[in-house]
């Protein structure tokens, strides 16, 4: 259970980073990239935080799979929403998305009992 909670807390930190990245990396003027970062950052913080605080294996597993989907979305978002020319947003989302997906799959597949 400790490993799953640690992985979930790492995803929470990535969610916080995703939320503030648009302002730090300077792409807050592009509405699509900004709102994607804000919405996904908040979603990751809430869902991964819920998983980290939960003691129910089924809840943790379900939330981890949802976070995996959000990680995949982060990788695809620059191409779908059209902000591939913003290098900071593009690479931030690809890197954060891959790390979120990997950590979330790991958490979803770790035995909690």
PDB file of N, CA and C in Angstrom:
ATOM      1  N   UNK A   1       0.830  -1.199   0.000  1.00  0.00           N
ATOM      2  CA  UNK A   1       0.000   0.000   0.000  1.00  0.00           C
ATOM      3  C   UNK A   1       0.870   1.257   0.000  1.00  0.00           C
ATOM      4  N   UNK A   2       2.003   1.201   0.694  1.00  0.00           N
ATOM      5  CA  UNK A   2       2.876   2.366   0.785  1.00  0.00           C
ATOM      6  C   UNK A   2       3.394   2.789  -0.598  1.00  0.00           C
ATOM      7  N   UNK A   3       3.754   1.816  -1.434  1.00  0.00           N
ATOM      8  CA  UNK A   3       4.253   2.122  -2.774  1.00  0.00           C
ATOM      9  C   UNK A   3       3.186   2.839  -3.595  1.00  0.00           C
ATOM     10  N   UNK A   4       1.951   2.342  -3.535  1.00  0.00           N
ATOM     11  CA  UNK A   4       0.855   2.939  -4.294  1.00  0.00           C
ATOM     12  C   UNK A   4       0.613   4.371  -3.837  1.00  0.00           C
ATOM     13  N   UNK A   5       0.642   4.584  -2.549  1.00  0.00           N
ATOM     14  CA  UNK A   5       0.423   5.935  -2.024  1.00  0.00           C
ATOM     15  C   UNK A   5       1.555   6.874  -2.448  1.00  0.00           C
ATOM     16  N   UNK A   6       2.784   6.389  -2.419  1.00  0.00           N
ATOM     17  CA  UNK A   6       3.918   7.202  -2.863  1.00  0.00           C
ATOM     18  C   UNK A   6       3.776   7.564  -4.332  1.00  0.00           C
ATOM     19  N   UNK A   7       3.407   6.594  -5.154  1.00  0.00           N
ATOM     20  CA  UNK A   7       3.210   6.861  -6.582  1.00  0.00           C
ATOM     21  C   UNK A   7       2.100   7.890  -6.790  1.00  0.00           C
ATOM     22  N   UNK A   8       1.031   7.767  -6.023  1.00  0.00           N
ATOM     23  CA  UNK A   8      -0.081   8.716  -6.149  1.00  0.00           C
ATOM     24  C   UNK A   8       0.341  10.115  -5.731  1.00  0.00           C
ATOM     25  N   UNK A   9       1.130  10.221  -4.662  1.00  0.00           N
ATOM     26  CA  UNK A   9       1.609  11.545  -4.239  1.00  0.00           C
ATOM     27  C   UNK A   9       2.537  12.164  -5.290  1.00  0.00           C
ATOM     28  N   UNK A  10       3.311  11.341  -5.967  1.00  0.00           N
ATOM     29  CA  UNK A  10       4.149  11.859  -7.057  1.00  0.00           C
ATOM     30  C   UNK A  10       3.288  12.410  -8.192  1.00  0.00           C
ATOM     31  N   UNK A  11       2.187  11.740  -8.476  1.00  0.00           N
ATOM     32  CA  UNK A  11       1.266  12.238  -9.505  1.00  0.00           C
ATOM     33  C   UNK A  11       0.609  13.544  -9.041  1.00  0.00           C
ATOM     34  N   UNK A  12       0.328  13.665  -7.753  1.00  0.00           N
ATOM     35  CA  UNK A  12      -0.197  14.936  -7.222  1.00  0.00           C
ATOM     36  C   UNK A  12       0.800  16.061  -7.506  1.00  0.00           C
ATOM     37  N   UNK A  13       2.070  15.814  -7.230  1.00  0.00           N
ATOM     38  CA  UNK A  13       3.105  16.830  -7.481  1.00  0.00           C
ATOM     39  C   UNK A  13       3.182  17.190  -8.963  1.00  0.00           C
ATOM     40  N   UNK A  14       3.051  16.192  -9.824  1.00  0.00           N
ATOM     41  CA  UNK A  14       3.042  16.469 -11.266  1.00  0.00           C
ATOM     42  C   UNK A  14       1.814  17.283 -11.651  1.00  0.00           C
ATOM     43  N   UNK A  15       0.700  17.040 -10.993  1.00  0.00           N
ATOM     44  CA  UNK A  15      -0.506  17.833 -11.235  1.00  0.00           C
ATOM     45  C   UNK A  15      -0.315  19.287 -10.836  1.00  0.00           C
ATOM     46  N   UNK A  16       0.330  19.504  -9.700  1.00  0.00           N
ATOM     47  CA  UNK A  16       0.631  20.878  -9.270  1.00  0.00           C
ATOM     48  C   UNK A  16       1.543  21.540 -10.304  1.00  0.00           C
ATOM     49  N   UNK A  17       2.577  20.810 -10.734  1.00  0.00           N
ATOM     50  CA  UNK A  17       3.477  21.358 -11.747  1.00  0.00           C
ATOM     51  C   UNK A  17       2.709  21.690 -13.025  1.00  0.00           C
ATOM     52  N   UNK A  18       1.860  20.779 -13.476  1.00  0.00           N
ATOM     53  CA  UNK A  18       1.101  21.005 -14.711  1.00  0.00           C
ATOM     54  C   UNK A  18       0.255  22.273 -14.584  1.00  0.00           C
ATOM     55  N   UNK A  19      -0.335  22.479 -13.428  1.00  0.00           N
ATOM     56  CA  UNK A  19      -1.169  23.649 -13.186  1.00  0.00           C
ATOM     57  C   UNK A  19      -0.376  24.957 -13.309  1.00  0.00           C
ATOM     58  N   UNK A  20       0.841  24.978 -12.775  1.00  0.00           N
ATOM     59  CA  UNK A  20       1.622  26.222 -12.781  1.00  0.00           C
ATOM     60  C   UNK A  20       2.573  26.343 -13.972  1.00  0.00           C
ATOM     61  N   UNK A  21       2.745  25.272 -14.723  1.00  0.00           N
ATOM     62  CA  UNK A  21       3.731  25.259 -15.809  1.00  0.00           C
ATOM     63  C   UNK A  21       3.487  26.327 -16.864  1.00  0.00           C
ATOM     64  N   UNK A  22       2.234  26.574 -17.204  1.00  0.00           N
ATOM     65  CA  UNK A  22       1.936  27.564 -18.237  1.00  0.00           C
ATOM     66  C   UNK A  22       2.468  28.945 -17.859  1.00  0.00           C
ATOM     67  N   UNK A  23       2.437  29.261 -16.601  1.00  0.00           N
ATOM     68  CA  UNK A  23       2.906  30.564 -16.141  1.00  0.00           C
ATOM     69  C   UNK A  23       4.433  30.592 -16.030  1.00  0.00           C
ATOM     70  N   UNK A  24       5.012  29.502 -15.566  1.00  0.00           N
ATOM     71  CA  UNK A  24       6.461  29.447 -15.398  1.00  0.00           C
ATOM     72  C   UNK A  24       7.171  29.321 -16.745  1.00  0.00           C
ATOM     73  N   UNK A  25       6.622  28.492 -17.628  1.00  0.00           N
ATOM     74  CA  UNK A  25       7.254  28.265 -18.923  1.00  0.00           C
ATOM     75  C   UNK A  25       6.828  29.286 -19.986  1.00  0.00           C
ATOM     76  N   UNK A  26       5.904  30.154 -19.643  1.00  0.00           N
ATOM     77  CA  UNK A  26       5.559  31.280 -20.508  1.00  0.00           C
ATOM     78  C   UNK A  26       4.617  30.999 -21.665  1.00  0.00           C
ATOM     79  N   UNK A  27       3.723  30.060 -21.519  1.00  0.00           N
ATOM     80  CA  UNK A  27       2.757  29.842 -22.593  1.00  0.00           C
ATOM     81  C   UNK A  27       1.321  30.118 -22.144  1.00  0.00           C
ATOM     82  N   UNK A  28       1.174  30.960 -21.148  1.00  0.00           N
ATOM     83  CA  UNK A  28      -0.153  31.271 -20.628  1.00  0.00           C
ATOM     84  C   UNK A  28      -0.978  32.134 -21.571  1.00  0.00           C
ATOM     85  N   UNK A  29      -0.373  32.718 -22.584  1.00  0.00           N
ATOM     86  CA  UNK A  29      -1.124  33.546 -23.538  1.00  0.00           C
ATOM     87  C   UNK A  29      -1.894  32.697 -24.548  1.00  0.00           C
ATOM     88  N   UNK A  30      -1.543  31.449 -24.704  1.00  0.00           N
ATOM     89  CA  UNK A  30      -2.230  30.551 -25.639  1.00  0.00           C
ATOM     90  C   UNK A  30      -3.351  29.842 -24.868  1.00  0.00           C
ATOM     91  N   UNK A  31      -4.591  30.226 -25.161  1.00  0.00           N
ATOM     92  CA  UNK A  31      -5.739  29.764 -24.386  1.00  0.00           C
ATOM     93  C   UNK A  31      -5.852  28.241 -24.312  1.00  0.00           C
ATOM     94  N   UNK A  32      -5.680  27.551 -25.425  1.00  0.00           N
ATOM     95  CA  UNK A  32      -5.816  26.090 -25.421  1.00  0.00           C
ATOM     96  C   UNK A  32      -4.816  25.421 -24.510  1.00  0.00           C
ATOM     97  N   UNK A  33      -3.568  25.839 -24.615  1.00  0.00           N
ATOM     98  CA  UNK A  33      -2.508  25.261 -23.782  1.00  0.00           C
ATOM     99  C   UNK A  33      -2.716  25.621 -22.314  1.00  0.00           C
ATOM    100  N   UNK A  34      -3.110  26.851 -22.058  1.00  0.00           N
ATOM    101  CA  UNK A  34      -3.326  27.314 -20.683  1.00  0.00           C
ATOM    102  C   UNK A  34      -4.439  26.527 -20.008  1.00  0.00           C
ATOM    103  N   UNK A  35      -5.598  26.466 -20.660  1.00  0.00           N
ATOM    104  CA  UNK A  35      -6.745  25.803 -20.030  1.00  0.00           C
ATOM    105  C   UNK A  35      -6.544  24.303 -19.912  1.00  0.00           C
ATOM    106  N   UNK A  36      -5.848  23.724 -20.877  1.00  0.00           N
ATOM    107  CA  UNK A  36      -5.537  22.306 -20.774  1.00  0.00           C
ATOM    108  C   UNK A  36      -4.654  22.068 -19.550  1.00  0.00           C
ATOM    109  N   UNK A  37      -3.642  22.908 -19.349  1.00  0.00           N
ATOM    110  CA  UNK A  37      -2.743  22.764 -18.202  1.00  0.00           C
ATOM    111  C   UNK A  37      -3.497  22.960 -16.892  1.00  0.00           C
ATOM    112  N   UNK A  38      -4.356  23.953 -16.828  1.00  0.00           N
ATOM    113  CA  UNK A  38      -5.105  24.228 -15.596  1.00  0.00           C
ATOM    114  C   UNK A  38      -6.064  23.083 -15.275  1.00  0.00           C
ATOM    115  N   UNK A  39      -6.860  22.681 -16.263  1.00  0.00           N
ATOM    116  CA  UNK A  39      -7.862  21.636 -16.026  1.00  0.00           C
ATOM    117  C   UNK A  39      -7.205  20.300 -15.696  1.00  0.00           C
ATOM    118  N   UNK A  40      -6.181  19.927 -16.470  1.00  0.00           N
ATOM    119  CA  UNK A  40      -5.513  18.655 -16.209  1.00  0.00           C
ATOM    120  C   UNK A  40      -4.753  18.691 -14.895  1.00  0.00           C
ATOM    121  N   UNK A  41      -4.135  19.814 -14.583  1.00  0.00           N
ATOM    122  CA  UNK A  41      -3.433  19.932 -13.309  1.00  0.00           C
ATOM    123  C   UNK A  41      -4.370  19.741 -12.134  1.00  0.00           C
ATOM    124  N   UNK A  42      -5.516  20.400 -12.176  1.00  0.00           N
ATOM    125  CA  UNK A  42      -6.505  20.269 -11.096  1.00  0.00           C
ATOM    126  C   UNK A  42      -7.017  18.836 -11.019  1.00  0.00           C
ATOM    127  N   UNK A  43      -7.332  18.251 -12.171  1.00  0.00           N
ATOM    128  CA  UNK A  43      -7.849  16.877 -12.194  1.00  0.00           C
ATOM    129  C   UNK A  43      -6.830  15.897 -11.609  1.00  0.00           C
ATOM    130  N   UNK A  44      -5.575  16.049 -11.991  1.00  0.00           N
ATOM    131  CA  UNK A  44      -4.539  15.155 -11.458  1.00  0.00           C
ATOM    132  C   UNK A  44      -4.375  15.314  -9.950  1.00  0.00           C
ATOM    133  N   UNK A  45      -4.392  16.539  -9.476  1.00  0.00           N
ATOM    134  CA  UNK A  45      -4.257  16.773  -8.031  1.00  0.00           C
ATOM    135  C   UNK A  45      -5.425  16.137  -7.282  1.00  0.00           C
ATOM    136  N   UNK A  46      -6.637  16.340  -7.767  1.00  0.00           N
ATOM    137  CA  UNK A  46      -7.815  15.804  -7.075  1.00  0.00           C
ATOM    138  C   UNK A  46      -7.829  14.272  -7.115  1.00  0.00           C
ATOM    139  N   UNK A  47      -7.674  13.711  -8.306  1.00  0.00           N
ATOM    140  CA  UNK A  47      -7.793  12.258  -8.446  1.00  0.00           C
ATOM    141  C   UNK A  47      -6.630  11.508  -7.797  1.00  0.00           C
ATOM    142  N   UNK A  48      -5.413  11.987  -8.006  1.00  0.00           N
ATOM    143  CA  UNK A  48      -4.264  11.321  -7.389  1.00  0.00           C
ATOM    144  C   UNK A  48      -4.258  11.543  -5.880  1.00  0.00           C
ATOM    145  N   UNK A  49      -4.687  12.707  -5.440  1.00  0.00           N
ATOM    146  CA  UNK A  49      -4.799  12.957  -4.001  1.00  0.00           C
ATOM    147  C   UNK A  49      -5.823  12.047  -3.357  1.00  0.00           C
ATOM    148  N   UNK A  50      -6.939  11.855  -4.041  1.00  0.00           N
ATOM    149  CA  UNK A  50      -7.978  10.938  -3.567  1.00  0.00           C
ATOM    150  C   UNK A  50      -7.406   9.524  -3.462  1.00  0.00           C
ATOM    151  N   UNK A  51      -6.682   9.097  -4.495  1.00  0.00           N
ATOM    152  CA  UNK A  51      -6.070   7.760  -4.473  1.00  0.00           C
ATOM    153  C   UNK A  51      -5.054   7.642  -3.340  1.00  0.00           C
ATOM    154  N   UNK A  52      -4.268   8.689  -3.133  1.00  0.00           N
ATOM    155  CA  UNK A  52      -3.238   8.653  -2.088  1.00  0.00           C
ATOM    156  C   UNK A  52      -3.846   8.586  -0.691  1.00  0.00           C
ATOM    157  N   UNK A  53      -5.008   9.166  -0.528  1.00  0.00           N
ATOM    158  CA  UNK A  53      -5.646   9.197   0.787  1.00  0.00           C
ATOM    159  C   UNK A  53      -6.601   8.030   1.022  1.00  0.00           C
ATOM    160  N   UNK A  54      -6.934   7.305  -0.031  1.00  0.00           N
ATOM    161  CA  UNK A  54      -7.881   6.193   0.078  1.00  0.00           C
ATOM    162  C   UNK A  54      -7.208   4.948   0.649  1.00  0.00           C
ATOM    163  N   UNK A  55      -8.000   4.155   1.332  1.00  0.00           N
ATOM    164  CA  UNK A  55      -7.526   2.872   1.844  1.00  0.00           C
ATOM    165  C   UNK A  55      -8.213   1.703   1.142  1.00  0.00           C
ATOM    166  N   UNK A  56      -9.014   2.001   0.130  1.00  0.00           N
ATOM    167  CA  UNK A  56      -9.737   0.955  -0.591  1.00  0.00           C
ATOM    168  C   UNK A  56      -9.029   0.646  -1.905  1.00  0.00           C
ATOM    169  N   UNK A  57      -8.609  -0.589  -2.052  1.00  0.00           N
ATOM    170  CA  UNK A  57      -7.825  -1.009  -3.217  1.00  0.00           C
ATOM    171  C   UNK A  57      -8.556  -0.739  -4.530  1.00  0.00           C
ATOM    172  N   UNK A  58      -9.852  -0.998  -4.576  1.00  0.00           N
ATOM    173  CA  UNK A  58     -10.610  -0.803  -5.816  1.00  0.00           C
ATOM    174  C   UNK A  58     -10.652   0.668  -6.215  1.00  0.00           C
ATOM    175  N   UNK A  59     -10.794   1.541  -5.245  1.00  0.00           N
ATOM    176  CA  UNK A  59     -10.813   2.985  -5.514  1.00  0.00           C
ATOM    177  C   UNK A  59      -9.461   3.441  -6.034  1.00  0.00           C
ATOM    178  N   UNK A  60      -8.404   3.012  -5.384  1.00  0.00           N
ATOM    179  CA  UNK A  60      -7.053   3.396  -5.799  1.00  0.00           C
ATOM    180  C   UNK A  60      -6.780   2.920  -7.214  1.00  0.00           C
ATOM    181  N   UNK A  61      -7.140   1.674  -7.500  1.00  0.00           N
ATOM    182  CA  UNK A  61      -6.910   1.108  -8.829  1.00  0.00           C
ATOM    183  C   UNK A  61      -7.692   1.879  -9.895  1.00  0.00           C
ATOM    184  N   UNK A  62      -8.959   2.163  -9.629  1.00  0.00           N
ATOM    185  CA  UNK A  62      -9.794   2.891 -10.588  1.00  0.00           C
ATOM    186  C   UNK A  62      -9.248   4.298 -10.846  1.00  0.00           C
ATOM    187  N   UNK A  63      -8.913   4.992  -9.773  1.00  0.00           N
ATOM    188  CA  UNK A  63      -8.387   6.354  -9.921  1.00  0.00           C
ATOM    189  C   UNK A  63      -7.049   6.348 -10.646  1.00  0.00           C
ATOM    190  N   UNK A  64      -6.242   5.337 -10.398  1.00  0.00           N
ATOM    191  CA  UNK A  64      -4.952   5.235 -11.092  1.00  0.00           C
ATOM    192  C   UNK A  64      -5.161   5.030 -12.589  1.00  0.00           C
ATOM    193  N   UNK A  65      -6.151   4.233 -12.966  1.00  0.00           N
ATOM    194  CA  UNK A  65      -6.429   4.048 -14.396  1.00  0.00           C
ATOM    195  C   UNK A  65      -6.952   5.334 -15.027  1.00  0.00           C
ATOM    196  N   UNK A  66      -7.763   6.087 -14.305  1.00  0.00           N
ATOM    197  CA  UNK A  66      -8.233   7.380 -14.832  1.00  0.00           C
ATOM    198  C   UNK A  66      -7.041   8.318 -15.019  1.00  0.00           C
ATOM    199  N   UNK A  67      -6.122   8.330 -14.052  1.00  0.00           N
ATOM    200  CA  UNK A  67      -4.931   9.165 -14.187  1.00  0.00           C
ATOM    201  C   UNK A  67      -4.056   8.721 -15.357  1.00  0.00           C
ATOM    202  N   UNK A  68      -4.039   7.433 -15.642  1.00  0.00           N
ATOM    203  CA  UNK A  68      -3.309   6.940 -16.816  1.00  0.00           C
ATOM    204  C   UNK A  68      -3.892   7.556 -18.082  1.00  0.00           C
ATOM    205  N   UNK A  69      -5.210   7.584 -18.167  1.00  0.00           N
ATOM    206  CA  UNK A  69      -5.876   8.177 -19.330  1.00  0.00           C
ATOM    207  C   UNK A  69      -5.547   9.663 -19.425  1.00  0.00           C
ATOM    208  N   UNK A  70      -5.525  10.352 -18.294  1.00  0.00           N
ATOM    209  CA  UNK A  70      -5.167  11.776 -18.299  1.00  0.00           C
ATOM    210  C   UNK A  70      -3.720  11.975 -18.755  1.00  0.00           C
ATOM    211  N   UNK A  71      -2.843  11.069 -18.363  1.00  0.00           N
ATOM    212  CA  UNK A  71      -1.449  11.139 -18.812  1.00  0.00           C
ATOM    213  C   UNK A  71      -1.352  10.974 -20.321  1.00  0.00           C
ATOM    214  N   UNK A  72      -2.090  10.026 -20.861  1.00  0.00           N
ATOM    215  CA  UNK A  72      -2.107   9.832 -22.317  1.00  0.00           C
ATOM    216  C   UNK A  72      -2.672  11.063 -23.004  1.00  0.00           C
ATOM    217  N   UNK A  73      -3.730  11.639 -22.424  1.00  0.00           N
ATOM    218  CA  UNK A  73      -4.295  12.867 -22.991  1.00  0.00           C
ATOM    219  C   UNK A  73      -3.240  13.980 -23.031  1.00  0.00           C
ATOM    220  N   UNK A  74      -2.461  14.111 -21.968  1.00  0.00           N
ATOM    221  CA  UNK A  74      -1.427  15.148 -21.944  1.00  0.00           C
ATOM    222  C   UNK A  74      -0.451  14.989 -23.107  1.00  0.00           C
ATOM    223  N   UNK A  75      -0.095  13.759 -23.432  1.00  0.00           N
ATOM    224  CA  UNK A  75       0.816  13.521 -24.555  1.00  0.00           C
ATOM    225  C   UNK A  75       0.157  13.919 -25.868  1.00  0.00           C
ATOM    226  N   UNK A  76      -1.130  13.645 -26.017  1.00  0.00           N
ATOM    227  CA  UNK A  76      -1.839  13.911 -27.274  1.00  0.00           C
ATOM    228  C   UNK A  76      -2.358  15.345 -27.410  1.00  0.00           C
ATOM    229  N   UNK A  77      -2.587  16.007 -26.293  1.00  0.00           N
ATOM    230  CA  UNK A  77      -3.229  17.327 -26.285  1.00  0.00           C
ATOM    231  C   UNK A  77      -2.573  18.368 -27.193  1.00  0.00           C
ATOM    232  N   UNK A  78      -1.253  18.509 -27.205  1.00  0.00           N
ATOM    233  CA  UNK A  78      -0.665  19.536 -28.077  1.00  0.00           C
ATOM    234  C   UNK A  78      -1.014  19.325 -29.552  1.00  0.00           C
ATOM    235  N   UNK A  79      -1.143  18.089 -29.962  1.00  0.00           N
ATOM    236  CA  UNK A  79      -1.454  17.782 -31.353  1.00  0.00           C
ATOM    237  C   UNK A  79      -2.941  17.969 -31.640  1.00  0.00           C
ATOM    238  N   UNK A  80      -3.776  17.592 -30.699  1.00  0.00           N
ATOM    239  CA  UNK A  80      -5.221  17.705 -30.879  1.00  0.00           C
ATOM    240  C   UNK A  80      -5.680  19.151 -30.736  1.00  0.00           C
ATOM    241  N   UNK A  81      -5.131  19.860 -29.750  1.00  0.00           N
ATOM    242  CA  UNK A  81      -5.548  21.238 -29.487  1.00  0.00           C
ATOM    243  C   UNK A  81      -4.747  22.269 -30.278  1.00  0.00           C
ATOM    244  N   UNK A  82      -3.721  21.821 -30.988  1.00  0.00           N
ATOM    245  CA  UNK A  82      -3.000  22.695 -31.902  1.00  0.00           C
ATOM    246  C   UNK A  82      -1.990  23.644 -31.302  1.00  0.00           C
ATOM    247  N   UNK A  83      -1.284  23.218 -30.292  1.00  0.00           N
ATOM    248  CA  UNK A  83      -0.233  24.093 -29.763  1.00  0.00           C
ATOM    249  C   UNK A  83       1.148  23.437 -29.833  1.00  0.00           C
ATOM    250  N   UNK A  84       1.394  22.738 -30.907  1.00  0.00           N
ATOM    251  CA  UNK A  84       2.698  22.085 -31.091  1.00  0.00           C
ATOM    252  C   UNK A  84       3.825  23.078 -31.359  1.00  0.00           C
ATOM    253  N   UNK A  85       3.494  24.291 -31.792  1.00  0.00           N
ATOM    254  CA  UNK A  85       4.531  25.290 -32.056  1.00  0.00           C
ATOM    255  C   UNK A  85       5.041  25.953 -30.782  1.00  0.00           C
ATOM    256  N   UNK A  86       4.367  25.713 -29.682  1.00  0.00           N
ATOM    257  CA  UNK A  86       4.820  26.221 -28.390  1.00  0.00           C
ATOM    258  C   UNK A  86       5.685  25.140 -27.749  1.00  0.00           C
ATOM    259  N   UNK A  87       6.988  25.235 -27.969  1.00  0.00           N
ATOM    260  CA  UNK A  87       7.906  24.175 -27.539  1.00  0.00           C
ATOM    261  C   UNK A  87       7.800  23.875 -26.047  1.00  0.00           C
ATOM    262  N   UNK A  88       7.675  24.902 -25.230  1.00  0.00           N
ATOM    263  CA  UNK A  88       7.573  24.692 -23.781  1.00  0.00           C
ATOM    264  C   UNK A  88       6.344  23.879 -23.417  1.00  0.00           C
ATOM    265  N   UNK A  89       5.218  24.243 -23.990  1.00  0.00           N
ATOM    266  CA  UNK A  89       3.970  23.523 -23.721  1.00  0.00           C
ATOM    267  C   UNK A  89       4.025  22.111 -24.289  1.00  0.00           C
ATOM    268  N   UNK A  90       4.533  21.984 -25.513  1.00  0.00           N
ATOM    269  CA  UNK A  90       4.615  20.686 -26.178  1.00  0.00           C
ATOM    270  C   UNK A  90       5.434  19.701 -25.346  1.00  0.00           C
ATOM    271  N   UNK A  91       6.669  20.068 -25.031  1.00  0.00           N
ATOM    272  CA  UNK A  91       7.557  19.134 -24.332  1.00  0.00           C
ATOM    273  C   UNK A  91       7.165  18.938 -22.884  1.00  0.00           C
ATOM    274  N   UNK A  92       6.643  19.972 -22.248  1.00  0.00           N
ATOM    275  CA  UNK A  92       6.156  19.798 -20.882  1.00  0.00           C
ATOM    276  C   UNK A  92       5.039  18.766 -20.849  1.00  0.00           C
ATOM    277  N   UNK A  93       4.065  18.915 -21.737  1.00  0.00           N
ATOM    278  CA  UNK A  93       2.938  17.992 -21.730  1.00  0.00           C
ATOM    279  C   UNK A  93       3.351  16.572 -22.102  1.00  0.00           C
ATOM    280  N   UNK A  94       4.255  16.430 -23.046  1.00  0.00           N
ATOM    281  CA  UNK A  94       4.714  15.092 -23.427  1.00  0.00           C
ATOM    282  C   UNK A  94       5.440  14.423 -22.259  1.00  0.00           C
ATOM    283  N   UNK A  95       6.366  15.146 -21.644  1.00  0.00           N
ATOM    284  CA  UNK A  95       7.144  14.566 -20.542  1.00  0.00           C
ATOM    285  C   UNK A  95       6.266  14.287 -19.324  1.00  0.00           C
ATOM    286  N   UNK A  96       5.473  15.268 -18.917  1.00  0.00           N
ATOM    287  CA  UNK A  96       4.602  15.077 -17.757  1.00  0.00           C
ATOM    288  C   UNK A  96       3.591  13.965 -18.049  1.00  0.00           C
ATOM    289  N   UNK A  97       3.044  13.947 -19.242  1.00  0.00           N
ATOM    290  CA  UNK A  97       2.075  12.914 -19.601  1.00  0.00           C
ATOM    291  C   UNK A  97       2.651  11.513 -19.535  1.00  0.00           C
ATOM    292  N   UNK A  98       3.850  11.342 -20.055  1.00  0.00           N
ATOM    293  CA  UNK A  98       4.490  10.022 -20.013  1.00  0.00           C
ATOM    294  C   UNK A  98       4.762   9.607 -18.569  1.00  0.00           C
ATOM    295  N   UNK A  99       5.291  10.522 -17.774  1.00  0.00           N
ATOM    296  CA  UNK A  99       5.603  10.189 -16.382  1.00  0.00           C
ATOM    297  C   UNK A  99       4.325   9.872 -15.602  1.00  0.00           C
ATOM    298  N   UNK A 100       3.274  10.672 -15.799  1.00  0.00           N
ATOM    299  CA  UNK A 100       1.992  10.404 -15.131  1.00  0.00           C
ATOM    300  C   UNK A 100       1.455   9.037 -15.538  1.00  0.00           C
ATOM    301  N   UNK A 101       1.488   8.741 -16.833  1.00  0.00           N
ATOM    302  CA  UNK A 101       0.975   7.456 -17.308  1.00  0.00           C
ATOM    303  C   UNK A 101       1.763   6.292 -16.713  1.00  0.00           C
ATOM    304  N   UNK A 102       3.081   6.392 -16.709  1.00  0.00           N
ATOM    305  CA  UNK A 102       3.916   5.312 -16.172  1.00  0.00           C
ATOM    306  C   UNK A 102       3.654   5.120 -14.672  1.00  0.00           C
ATOM    307  N   UNK A 103       3.655   6.210 -13.908  1.00  0.00           N
ATOM    308  CA  UNK A 103       3.424   6.102 -12.467  1.00  0.00           C
ATOM    309  C   UNK A 103       2.029   5.563 -12.167  1.00  0.00           C
ATOM    310  N   UNK A 104       1.050   5.983 -12.945  1.00  0.00           N
ATOM    311  CA  UNK A 104      -0.327   5.556 -12.712  1.00  0.00           C
ATOM    312  C   UNK A 104      -0.550   4.092 -13.078  1.00  0.00           C
ATOM    313  N   UNK A 105       0.056   3.643 -14.167  1.00  0.00           N
ATOM    314  CA  UNK A 105      -0.033   2.223 -14.518  1.00  0.00           C
ATOM    315  C   UNK A 105       0.650   1.394 -13.436  1.00  0.00           C
ATOM    316  N   UNK A 106       1.783   1.852 -12.979  1.00  0.00           N
ATOM    317  CA  UNK A 106       2.509   1.171 -11.906  1.00  0.00           C
ATOM    318  C   UNK A 106       1.623   1.067 -10.662  1.00  0.00           C
ATOM    319  N   UNK A 107       0.991   2.193 -10.280  1.00  0.00           N
ATOM    320  CA  UNK A 107       0.126   2.198  -9.104  1.00  0.00           C
ATOM    321  C   UNK A 107      -1.077   1.270  -9.305  1.00  0.00           C
ATOM    322  N   UNK A 108      -1.667   1.289 -10.484  1.00  0.00           N
ATOM    323  CA  UNK A 108      -2.840   0.458 -10.760  1.00  0.00           C
ATOM    324  C   UNK A 108      -2.514  -1.033 -10.720  1.00  0.00           C
ATOM    325  N   UNK A 109      -1.293  -1.388 -11.036  1.00  0.00           N
ATOM    326  CA  UNK A 109      -0.904  -2.792 -11.097  1.00  0.00           C
ATOM    327  C   UNK A 109      -0.140  -3.292  -9.867  1.00  0.00           C
ATOM    328  N   UNK A 110       0.000  -2.429  -8.858  1.00  0.00           N
ATOM    329  CA  UNK A 110       0.663  -2.816  -7.624  1.00  0.00           C
ATOM    330  C   UNK A 110      -0.355  -3.380  -6.642  1.00  0.00           C
ATOM    331  N   UNK A 111      -0.047  -4.516  -6.075  1.00  0.00           N
ATOM    332  CA  UNK A 111      -0.960  -5.112  -5.090  1.00  0.00           C
ATOM    333  C   UNK A 111      -0.981  -4.228  -3.847  1.00  0.00           C
ATOM    334  N   UNK A 112      -2.195  -3.948  -3.364  1.00  0.00           N
ATOM    335  CA  UNK A 112      -2.352  -3.050  -2.220  1.00  0.00           C
ATOM    336  C   UNK A 112      -2.636  -3.800  -0.932  1.00  0.00           C
ATOM    337  N   UNK A 113      -2.861  -5.065  -1.000  1.00  0.00           N
ATOM    338  CA  UNK A 113      -3.198  -5.808   0.234  1.00  0.00           C
ATOM    339  C   UNK A 113      -2.017  -6.626   0.712  1.00  0.00           C
TER     340      UNK A 113
END
